[in-house]
Amino acid sequence: MSVSSFARAGLFAALLFACGPTLAQSDDPHKALAHELLEVIRVNQQIDRMTQQVADQTSQFMQQSRPGMKEDEAKAFGKSYAEAIKMNIGDLVDEIAKLYVRQYSDDELKQIVAFYKSPVGQKYLDNAPSLSAQAASLAQAWQQKNEQAAQAVAAQEMKKLGYKNW
């Protein structure tokens, strides 16, 4: 797996929430609301977390692919690589804002922003990273617990359908 594969994986993870460290100003009020939403949902913090993940993954990859590389050198490369990816993230943020503009009206964006600015919205944002990590862990354990049974059911179905390699 290449370094760029790790970077793409990290960027994809960040996109599950939305992303961008620098929110561009817009002359379009609708687009400005979308940018405000991205700011309110703390995209800067999300990008920082994503960038740290990319740095860590890149560092690990470099150590695995170059066995003679020292740990501090791999970490320095990972950090530099992650920061380089982050340099032009503002362009991506603008494109994400356009997605919100296409999906939501001005009134809807205002309501969403108001929610995230409210105490319960702030509490949600405070807890979302931890809850997401916990949910992912639960989902992985559930999947592992049910994997063999699901494979057995699917194999039986394949046999019923006349496939012979099951």
N, C-alpha and C. Protein backbone atom coordinates (compact mmCIF):
# COMPACT_ATOMS: atom_id res chain seq x y z
N MET A 1 0.86 -1.18 0.00
CA MET A 1 0.00 0.00 0.00
C MET A 1 0.90 1.23 0.00
N SER A 2 0.58 2.20 -0.81
CA SER A 2 1.42 3.39 -0.93
C SER A 2 1.05 4.43 0.12
N VAL A 3 1.96 5.40 0.28
CA VAL A 3 1.70 6.50 1.21
C VAL A 3 0.43 7.24 0.81
N SER A 4 0.22 7.42 -0.50
CA SER A 4 -0.97 8.15 -0.94
C SER A 4 -2.24 7.37 -0.61
N SER A 5 -2.18 6.05 -0.55
CA SER A 5 -3.36 5.27 -0.16
C SER A 5 -3.73 5.57 1.28
N PHE A 6 -2.73 5.68 2.14
CA PHE A 6 -3.00 6.04 3.54
C PHE A 6 -3.60 7.43 3.61
N ALA A 7 -3.09 8.34 2.82
CA ALA A 7 -3.61 9.71 2.84
C ALA A 7 -5.06 9.73 2.38
N ARG A 8 -5.37 9.01 1.31
CA ARG A 8 -6.75 8.97 0.82
C ARG A 8 -7.68 8.38 1.88
N ALA A 9 -7.22 7.34 2.58
CA ALA A 9 -8.04 6.73 3.63
C ALA A 9 -8.32 7.74 4.74
N GLY A 10 -7.30 8.50 5.11
CA GLY A 10 -7.49 9.51 6.15
C GLY A 10 -8.42 10.62 5.71
N LEU A 11 -8.28 11.06 4.47
CA LEU A 11 -9.15 12.10 3.96
C LEU A 11 -10.59 11.61 3.88
N PHE A 12 -10.78 10.35 3.48
CA PHE A 12 -12.12 9.82 3.41
C PHE A 12 -12.76 9.80 4.79
N ALA A 13 -12.00 9.39 5.78
CA ALA A 13 -12.54 9.37 7.15
C ALA A 13 -12.98 10.76 7.57
N ALA A 14 -12.19 11.75 7.25
CA ALA A 14 -12.56 13.12 7.62
C ALA A 14 -13.80 13.57 6.89
N LEU A 15 -13.98 13.13 5.66
CA LEU A 15 -15.14 13.54 4.89
C LEU A 15 -16.45 12.98 5.45
N LEU A 16 -16.38 11.87 6.27
CA LEU A 16 -17.61 11.36 6.88
C LEU A 16 -18.27 12.42 7.74
N PHE A 17 -17.43 13.37 8.24
CA PHE A 17 -17.97 14.44 9.10
C PHE A 17 -18.10 15.75 8.35
N ALA A 18 -17.21 16.00 7.41
CA ALA A 18 -17.00 17.26 6.69
C ALA A 18 -15.61 17.73 7.07
N CYS A 19 -15.05 18.63 6.30
CA CYS A 19 -13.70 19.00 6.68
C CYS A 19 -13.29 20.36 6.17
N GLY A 20 -12.14 20.82 6.69
CA GLY A 20 -11.51 22.03 6.21
C GLY A 20 -10.98 22.91 7.30
N PRO A 21 -9.69 23.29 7.24
CA PRO A 21 -9.13 24.14 8.26
C PRO A 21 -9.34 25.62 8.02
N THR A 22 -9.52 26.02 6.78
CA THR A 22 -9.67 27.43 6.46
C THR A 22 -10.98 27.61 5.74
N LEU A 23 -11.88 28.34 6.33
CA LEU A 23 -13.18 28.52 5.72
C LEU A 23 -13.17 29.80 4.89
N ALA A 24 -13.36 29.61 3.60
CA ALA A 24 -13.32 30.75 2.70
C ALA A 24 -14.56 31.61 2.87
N GLN A 25 -14.39 32.90 2.68
CA GLN A 25 -15.52 33.81 2.71
C GLN A 25 -16.18 33.76 1.34
N SER A 26 -17.48 34.01 1.32
CA SER A 26 -18.21 33.92 0.07
C SER A 26 -19.10 35.13 -0.11
N ASP A 27 -19.24 35.57 -1.35
CA ASP A 27 -20.17 36.64 -1.67
C ASP A 27 -21.59 36.11 -1.75
N ASP A 28 -21.73 34.80 -1.91
CA ASP A 28 -23.03 34.15 -1.99
C ASP A 28 -23.53 33.86 -0.57
N PRO A 29 -24.63 34.48 -0.14
CA PRO A 29 -25.11 34.28 1.22
C PRO A 29 -25.44 32.82 1.55
N HIS A 30 -25.96 32.09 0.57
CA HIS A 30 -26.28 30.68 0.78
C HIS A 30 -25.00 29.88 1.04
N LYS A 31 -24.00 30.14 0.23
CA LYS A 31 -22.72 29.46 0.39
C LYS A 31 -22.04 29.89 1.70
N ALA A 32 -22.21 31.15 2.08
CA ALA A 32 -21.65 31.63 3.34
C ALA A 32 -22.27 30.88 4.52
N LEU A 33 -23.57 30.58 4.44
CA LEU A 33 -24.22 29.78 5.49
C LEU A 33 -23.62 28.38 5.56
N ALA A 34 -23.35 27.79 4.41
CA ALA A 34 -22.74 26.46 4.38
C ALA A 34 -21.36 26.51 5.03
N HIS A 35 -20.60 27.55 4.72
CA HIS A 35 -19.28 27.70 5.35
C HIS A 35 -19.41 27.92 6.86
N GLU A 36 -20.43 28.67 7.26
CA GLU A 36 -20.65 28.88 8.69
C GLU A 36 -20.94 27.54 9.37
N LEU A 37 -21.75 26.71 8.72
CA LEU A 37 -22.04 25.40 9.29
C LEU A 37 -20.76 24.59 9.44
N LEU A 38 -19.92 24.59 8.42
CA LEU A 38 -18.66 23.84 8.51
C LEU A 38 -17.80 24.35 9.67
N GLU A 39 -17.84 25.65 9.89
CA GLU A 39 -17.08 26.22 11.01
C GLU A 39 -17.70 25.81 12.34
N VAL A 40 -19.03 25.88 12.44
CA VAL A 40 -19.72 25.57 13.68
C VAL A 40 -19.53 24.10 14.07
N ILE A 41 -19.44 23.22 13.08
CA ILE A 41 -19.26 21.81 13.42
C ILE A 41 -17.78 21.44 13.64
N ARG A 42 -16.98 22.47 13.80
CA ARG A 42 -15.58 22.32 14.23
C ARG A 42 -14.72 21.54 13.25
N VAL A 43 -14.81 21.92 12.01
CA VAL A 43 -14.02 21.22 11.01
C VAL A 43 -12.52 21.35 11.25
N ASN A 44 -12.10 22.44 11.85
CA ASN A 44 -10.67 22.60 12.13
C ASN A 44 -10.18 21.46 13.02
N GLN A 45 -10.95 21.14 14.05
CA GLN A 45 -10.56 20.05 14.94
C GLN A 45 -10.60 18.71 14.21
N GLN A 46 -11.59 18.53 13.35
CA GLN A 46 -11.69 17.30 12.59
C GLN A 46 -10.49 17.13 11.65
N ILE A 47 -10.10 18.21 11.01
CA ILE A 47 -8.94 18.15 10.12
C ILE A 47 -7.68 17.86 10.91
N ASP A 48 -7.54 18.47 12.07
CA ASP A 48 -6.36 18.20 12.90
C ASP A 48 -6.28 16.73 13.29
N ARG A 49 -7.43 16.14 13.66
CA ARG A 49 -7.45 14.71 13.99
C ARG A 49 -7.10 13.87 12.77
N MET A 50 -7.69 14.20 11.63
CA MET A 50 -7.41 13.47 10.41
C MET A 50 -5.94 13.58 10.03
N THR A 51 -5.40 14.77 10.15
CA THR A 51 -4.00 14.98 9.79
C THR A 51 -3.08 14.16 10.69
N GLN A 52 -3.41 14.08 11.97
CA GLN A 52 -2.60 13.26 12.89
C GLN A 52 -2.68 11.79 12.50
N GLN A 53 -3.86 11.32 12.10
CA GLN A 53 -4.01 9.93 11.67
C GLN A 53 -3.18 9.66 10.41
N VAL A 54 -3.23 10.58 9.46
CA VAL A 54 -2.44 10.43 8.24
C VAL A 54 -0.95 10.39 8.59
N ALA A 55 -0.52 11.27 9.48
CA ALA A 55 0.89 11.29 9.89
C ALA A 55 1.29 9.96 10.53
N ASP A 56 0.46 9.45 11.43
CA ASP A 56 0.77 8.18 12.10
C ASP A 56 0.80 7.01 11.11
N GLN A 57 -0.19 6.95 10.22
CA GLN A 57 -0.25 5.87 9.24
C GLN A 57 0.93 5.94 8.27
N THR A 58 1.27 7.14 7.84
CA THR A 58 2.37 7.31 6.92
C THR A 58 3.68 6.92 7.59
N SER A 59 3.85 7.31 8.84
CA SER A 59 5.05 6.94 9.60
C SER A 59 5.18 5.42 9.70
N GLN A 60 4.09 4.76 10.04
CA GLN A 60 4.12 3.29 10.15
C GLN A 60 4.45 2.65 8.80
N PHE A 61 3.83 3.17 7.74
CA PHE A 61 4.09 2.64 6.40
C PHE A 61 5.56 2.80 6.03
N MET A 62 6.11 3.97 6.31
CA MET A 62 7.51 4.22 5.97
C MET A 62 8.44 3.26 6.71
N GLN A 63 8.16 3.00 7.97
CA GLN A 63 9.00 2.08 8.74
C GLN A 63 8.88 0.65 8.20
N GLN A 64 7.69 0.27 7.77
CA GLN A 64 7.49 -1.08 7.23
C GLN A 64 8.13 -1.22 5.85
N SER A 65 8.03 -0.20 5.03
CA SER A 65 8.53 -0.30 3.66
C SER A 65 10.03 0.01 3.56
N ARG A 66 10.59 0.64 4.59
CA ARG A 66 12.03 0.95 4.62
C ARG A 66 12.58 0.53 5.98
N PRO A 67 12.89 -0.74 6.12
CA PRO A 67 13.29 -1.28 7.42
C PRO A 67 14.47 -0.56 8.09
N GLY A 68 15.33 0.05 7.33
CA GLY A 68 16.46 0.77 7.92
C GLY A 68 16.12 2.15 8.44
N MET A 69 14.93 2.61 8.20
CA MET A 69 14.54 3.96 8.60
C MET A 69 14.32 4.02 10.11
N LYS A 70 14.90 5.03 10.71
CA LYS A 70 14.73 5.22 12.15
C LYS A 70 13.33 5.77 12.44
N GLU A 71 12.85 5.49 13.65
CA GLU A 71 11.49 5.89 14.03
C GLU A 71 11.30 7.40 13.96
N ASP A 72 12.28 8.17 14.44
CA ASP A 72 12.12 9.63 14.43
C ASP A 72 12.10 10.17 13.00
N GLU A 73 12.84 9.54 12.10
CA GLU A 73 12.84 9.96 10.70
C GLU A 73 11.48 9.66 10.06
N ALA A 74 10.93 8.47 10.34
CA ALA A 74 9.62 8.09 9.80
C ALA A 74 8.54 9.02 10.34
N LYS A 75 8.61 9.37 11.62
CA LYS A 75 7.62 10.28 12.20
C LYS A 75 7.73 11.66 11.58
N ALA A 76 8.95 12.14 11.35
CA ALA A 76 9.15 13.45 10.73
C ALA A 76 8.58 13.46 9.31
N PHE A 77 8.83 12.37 8.57
CA PHE A 77 8.29 12.30 7.21
C PHE A 77 6.76 12.28 7.26
N GLY A 78 6.19 11.46 8.14
CA GLY A 78 4.73 11.37 8.26
C GLY A 78 4.12 12.72 8.56
N LYS A 79 4.73 13.45 9.48
CA LYS A 79 4.21 14.77 9.84
C LYS A 79 4.29 15.74 8.66
N SER A 80 5.44 15.74 7.96
CA SER A 80 5.60 16.63 6.80
C SER A 80 4.61 16.28 5.70
N TYR A 81 4.43 14.99 5.48
CA TYR A 81 3.50 14.53 4.44
C TYR A 81 2.07 14.97 4.77
N ALA A 82 1.66 14.77 6.01
CA ALA A 82 0.31 15.15 6.43
C ALA A 82 0.10 16.66 6.31
N GLU A 83 1.06 17.45 6.69
CA GLU A 83 0.95 18.90 6.59
C GLU A 83 0.89 19.33 5.12
N ALA A 84 1.62 18.64 4.25
CA ALA A 84 1.58 18.97 2.83
C ALA A 84 0.20 18.70 2.25
N ILE A 85 -0.43 17.61 2.69
CA ILE A 85 -1.79 17.30 2.23
C ILE A 85 -2.75 18.41 2.68
N LYS A 86 -2.54 18.90 3.87
CA LYS A 86 -3.44 19.88 4.48
C LYS A 86 -3.34 21.27 3.81
N MET A 87 -2.25 21.53 3.10
CA MET A 87 -2.01 22.86 2.54
C MET A 87 -3.15 23.38 1.66
N ASN A 88 -3.70 22.55 0.82
CA ASN A 88 -4.73 23.00 -0.12
C ASN A 88 -6.13 22.53 0.26
N ILE A 89 -6.34 22.24 1.52
CA ILE A 89 -7.62 21.70 1.96
C ILE A 89 -8.75 22.72 1.81
N GLY A 90 -8.42 23.99 1.76
CA GLY A 90 -9.44 25.02 1.59
C GLY A 90 -10.26 24.83 0.33
N ASP A 91 -9.61 24.34 -0.74
CA ASP A 91 -10.33 24.06 -1.99
C ASP A 91 -11.37 22.96 -1.76
N LEU A 92 -10.99 21.95 -1.01
CA LEU A 92 -11.91 20.86 -0.71
C LEU A 92 -13.07 21.36 0.15
N VAL A 93 -12.77 22.20 1.12
CA VAL A 93 -13.81 22.76 1.98
C VAL A 93 -14.83 23.51 1.14
N ASP A 94 -14.37 24.27 0.18
CA ASP A 94 -15.28 25.02 -0.68
C ASP A 94 -16.18 24.08 -1.47
N GLU A 95 -15.64 22.98 -1.93
CA GLU A 95 -16.45 22.00 -2.66
C GLU A 95 -17.47 21.34 -1.73
N ILE A 96 -17.07 21.07 -0.49
CA ILE A 96 -18.00 20.49 0.48
C ILE A 96 -19.11 21.48 0.79
N ALA A 97 -18.77 22.74 0.93
CA ALA A 97 -19.79 23.77 1.16
C ALA A 97 -20.80 23.76 0.02
N LYS A 98 -20.34 23.57 -1.21
CA LYS A 98 -21.25 23.51 -2.35
C LYS A 98 -22.22 22.33 -2.23
N LEU A 99 -21.75 21.21 -1.66
CA LEU A 99 -22.64 20.07 -1.44
C LEU A 99 -23.78 20.45 -0.49
N TYR A 100 -23.44 21.16 0.58
CA TYR A 100 -24.45 21.60 1.54
C TYR A 100 -25.41 22.59 0.89
N VAL A 101 -24.89 23.46 0.03
CA VAL A 101 -25.73 24.44 -0.66
C VAL A 101 -26.75 23.74 -1.54
N ARG A 102 -26.31 22.67 -2.22
CA ARG A 102 -27.23 21.93 -3.09
C ARG A 102 -28.26 21.13 -2.30
N GLN A 103 -27.90 20.71 -1.11
CA GLN A 103 -28.76 19.82 -0.33
C GLN A 103 -29.76 20.57 0.56
N TYR A 104 -29.38 21.75 1.05
CA TYR A 104 -30.19 22.46 2.03
C TYR A 104 -30.53 23.88 1.57
N SER A 105 -31.74 24.31 1.93
CA SER A 105 -32.14 25.70 1.67
C SER A 105 -31.47 26.61 2.70
N ASP A 106 -31.58 27.93 2.47
CA ASP A 106 -31.05 28.89 3.44
C ASP A 106 -31.66 28.65 4.82
N ASP A 107 -32.98 28.50 4.86
CA ASP A 107 -33.66 28.31 6.13
C ASP A 107 -33.18 27.03 6.84
N GLU A 108 -33.03 25.97 6.08
CA GLU A 108 -32.55 24.71 6.67
C GLU A 108 -31.13 24.86 7.22
N LEU A 109 -30.26 25.51 6.45
CA LEU A 109 -28.89 25.74 6.94
C LEU A 109 -28.89 26.57 8.22
N LYS A 110 -29.74 27.59 8.26
CA LYS A 110 -29.84 28.42 9.47
C LYS A 110 -30.28 27.59 10.67
N GLN A 111 -31.24 26.68 10.46
CA GLN A 111 -31.71 25.83 11.55
C GLN A 111 -30.62 24.86 12.02
N ILE A 112 -29.89 24.32 11.07
CA ILE A 112 -28.81 23.39 11.43
C ILE A 112 -27.73 24.13 12.20
N VAL A 113 -27.34 25.31 11.73
CA VAL A 113 -26.35 26.13 12.43
C VAL A 113 -26.83 26.46 13.84
N ALA A 114 -28.11 26.86 13.94
CA ALA A 114 -28.66 27.20 15.26
C ALA A 114 -28.60 26.00 16.19
N PHE A 115 -28.91 24.82 15.68
CA PHE A 115 -28.83 23.62 16.52
C PHE A 115 -27.41 23.42 17.04
N TYR A 116 -26.42 23.47 16.15
CA TYR A 116 -25.04 23.22 16.58
C TYR A 116 -24.50 24.31 17.48
N LYS A 117 -25.07 25.50 17.41
CA LYS A 117 -24.66 26.57 18.32
C LYS A 117 -25.35 26.46 19.67
N SER A 118 -26.44 25.70 19.75
CA SER A 118 -27.19 25.56 21.01
C SER A 118 -26.39 24.70 22.00
N PRO A 119 -26.73 24.76 23.28
CA PRO A 119 -26.04 23.93 24.27
C PRO A 119 -26.08 22.43 23.93
N VAL A 120 -27.23 21.93 23.49
CA VAL A 120 -27.30 20.51 23.16
C VAL A 120 -26.48 20.20 21.90
N GLY A 121 -26.46 21.12 20.95
CA GLY A 121 -25.63 20.93 19.76
C GLY A 121 -24.15 20.92 20.11
N GLN A 122 -23.74 21.80 21.03
CA GLN A 122 -22.35 21.83 21.48
C GLN A 122 -22.01 20.54 22.22
N LYS A 123 -22.95 20.06 23.03
CA LYS A 123 -22.73 18.79 23.74
C LYS A 123 -22.58 17.65 22.74
N TYR A 124 -23.41 17.66 21.72
CA TYR A 124 -23.30 16.64 20.68
C TYR A 124 -21.90 16.68 20.04
N LEU A 125 -21.45 17.88 19.67
CA LEU A 125 -20.14 18.02 19.05
C LEU A 125 -19.02 17.58 20.00
N ASP A 126 -19.17 17.89 21.28
CA ASP A 126 -18.18 17.48 22.28
C ASP A 126 -18.07 15.96 22.36
N ASN A 127 -19.22 15.29 22.28
CA ASN A 127 -19.25 13.84 22.49
C ASN A 127 -19.15 13.02 21.20
N ALA A 128 -19.36 13.62 20.06
CA ALA A 128 -19.42 12.89 18.80
C ALA A 128 -18.17 12.05 18.51
N PRO A 129 -16.95 12.59 18.68
CA PRO A 129 -15.78 11.76 18.36
C PRO A 129 -15.69 10.50 19.22
N SER A 130 -15.94 10.65 20.51
CA SER A 130 -15.89 9.51 21.41
C SER A 130 -17.01 8.51 21.10
N LEU A 131 -18.21 9.02 20.88
CA LEU A 131 -19.33 8.13 20.57
C LEU A 131 -19.10 7.40 19.25
N SER A 132 -18.55 8.09 18.27
CA SER A 132 -18.26 7.45 16.98
C SER A 132 -17.23 6.34 17.14
N ALA A 133 -16.19 6.59 17.92
CA ALA A 133 -15.17 5.57 18.16
C ALA A 133 -15.77 4.37 18.89
N GLN A 134 -16.60 4.64 19.89
CA GLN A 134 -17.24 3.56 20.63
C GLN A 134 -18.19 2.76 19.73
N ALA A 135 -18.95 3.46 18.90
CA ALA A 135 -19.88 2.79 17.98
C ALA A 135 -19.11 1.92 16.98
N ALA A 136 -17.99 2.42 16.47
CA ALA A 136 -17.17 1.65 15.54
C ALA A 136 -16.64 0.39 16.21
N SER A 137 -16.23 0.51 17.44
CA SER A 137 -15.74 -0.65 18.19
C SER A 137 -16.85 -1.68 18.40
N LEU A 138 -18.03 -1.20 18.78
CA LEU A 138 -19.18 -2.10 18.95
C LEU A 138 -19.54 -2.79 17.64
N ALA A 139 -19.53 -2.04 16.54
CA ALA A 139 -19.86 -2.60 15.24
C ALA A 139 -18.86 -3.67 14.83
N GLN A 140 -17.59 -3.42 15.10
CA GLN A 140 -16.56 -4.40 14.75
C GLN A 140 -16.75 -5.68 15.57
N ALA A 141 -17.00 -5.55 16.87
CA ALA A 141 -17.22 -6.72 17.72
C ALA A 141 -18.46 -7.48 17.27
N TRP A 142 -19.53 -6.75 16.94
CA TRP A 142 -20.77 -7.37 16.48
C TRP A 142 -20.53 -8.13 15.18
N GLN A 143 -19.80 -7.50 14.27
CA GLN A 143 -19.52 -8.13 12.98
C GLN A 143 -18.71 -9.41 13.18
N GLN A 144 -17.70 -9.37 14.03
CA GLN A 144 -16.88 -10.56 14.30
C GLN A 144 -17.72 -11.67 14.93
N LYS A 145 -18.60 -11.29 15.83
CA LYS A 145 -19.46 -12.26 16.52
C LYS A 145 -20.41 -12.95 15.54
N ASN A 146 -20.90 -12.22 14.56
CA ASN A 146 -21.91 -12.75 13.64
C ASN A 146 -21.36 -13.22 12.29
N GLU A 147 -20.08 -13.06 12.07
CA GLU A 147 -19.50 -13.35 10.77
C GLU A 147 -19.65 -14.81 10.35
N GLN A 148 -19.33 -15.75 11.23
CA GLN A 148 -19.38 -17.16 10.86
C GLN A 148 -20.81 -17.60 10.54
N ALA A 149 -21.76 -17.17 11.35
CA ALA A 149 -23.15 -17.53 11.11
C ALA A 149 -23.63 -16.96 9.78
N ALA A 150 -23.27 -15.72 9.49
CA ALA A 150 -23.68 -15.10 8.23
C ALA A 150 -23.05 -15.84 7.05
N GLN A 151 -21.80 -16.24 7.18
CA GLN A 151 -21.14 -16.98 6.10
C GLN A 151 -21.82 -18.32 5.87
N ALA A 152 -22.22 -18.99 6.95
CA ALA A 152 -22.89 -20.28 6.83
C ALA A 152 -24.23 -20.13 6.12
N VAL A 153 -25.00 -19.12 6.50
CA VAL A 153 -26.30 -18.87 5.87
C VAL A 153 -26.09 -18.56 4.38
N ALA A 154 -25.14 -17.72 4.07
CA ALA A 154 -24.89 -17.35 2.68
C ALA A 154 -24.42 -18.56 1.87
N ALA A 155 -23.58 -19.42 2.46
CA ALA A 155 -23.11 -20.62 1.77
C ALA A 155 -24.27 -21.57 1.48
N GLN A 156 -25.19 -21.73 2.44
CA GLN A 156 -26.37 -22.57 2.21
C GLN A 156 -27.21 -22.02 1.06
N GLU A 157 -27.38 -20.71 1.04
CA GLU A 157 -28.16 -20.08 -0.02
C GLU A 157 -27.50 -20.31 -1.38
N MET A 158 -26.19 -20.22 -1.42
CA MET A 158 -25.46 -20.44 -2.68
C MET A 158 -25.67 -21.87 -3.17
N LYS A 159 -25.66 -22.83 -2.24
CA LYS A 159 -25.90 -24.23 -2.60
C LYS A 159 -27.32 -24.40 -3.16
N LYS A 160 -28.32 -23.76 -2.51
CA LYS A 160 -29.70 -23.83 -2.97
C LYS A 160 -29.84 -23.27 -4.38
N LEU A 161 -29.02 -22.26 -4.68
CA LEU A 161 -29.06 -21.64 -6.00
C LEU A 161 -28.32 -22.46 -7.06
N GLY A 162 -27.68 -23.55 -6.62
CA GLY A 162 -27.02 -24.43 -7.56
C GLY A 162 -25.52 -24.20 -7.73
N TYR A 163 -24.95 -23.33 -6.96
CA TYR A 163 -23.51 -23.13 -7.05
C TYR A 163 -22.81 -24.25 -6.31
N LYS A 164 -21.76 -24.80 -6.88
CA LYS A 164 -21.15 -26.02 -6.36
C LYS A 164 -19.97 -25.80 -5.43
N ASN A 165 -19.36 -24.69 -5.44
CA ASN A 165 -18.15 -24.45 -4.62
C ASN A 165 -18.46 -23.97 -3.21
N TRP A 166 -19.61 -24.32 -2.68
CA TRP A 166 -19.99 -23.87 -1.35
C TRP A 166 -20.27 -25.06 -0.50
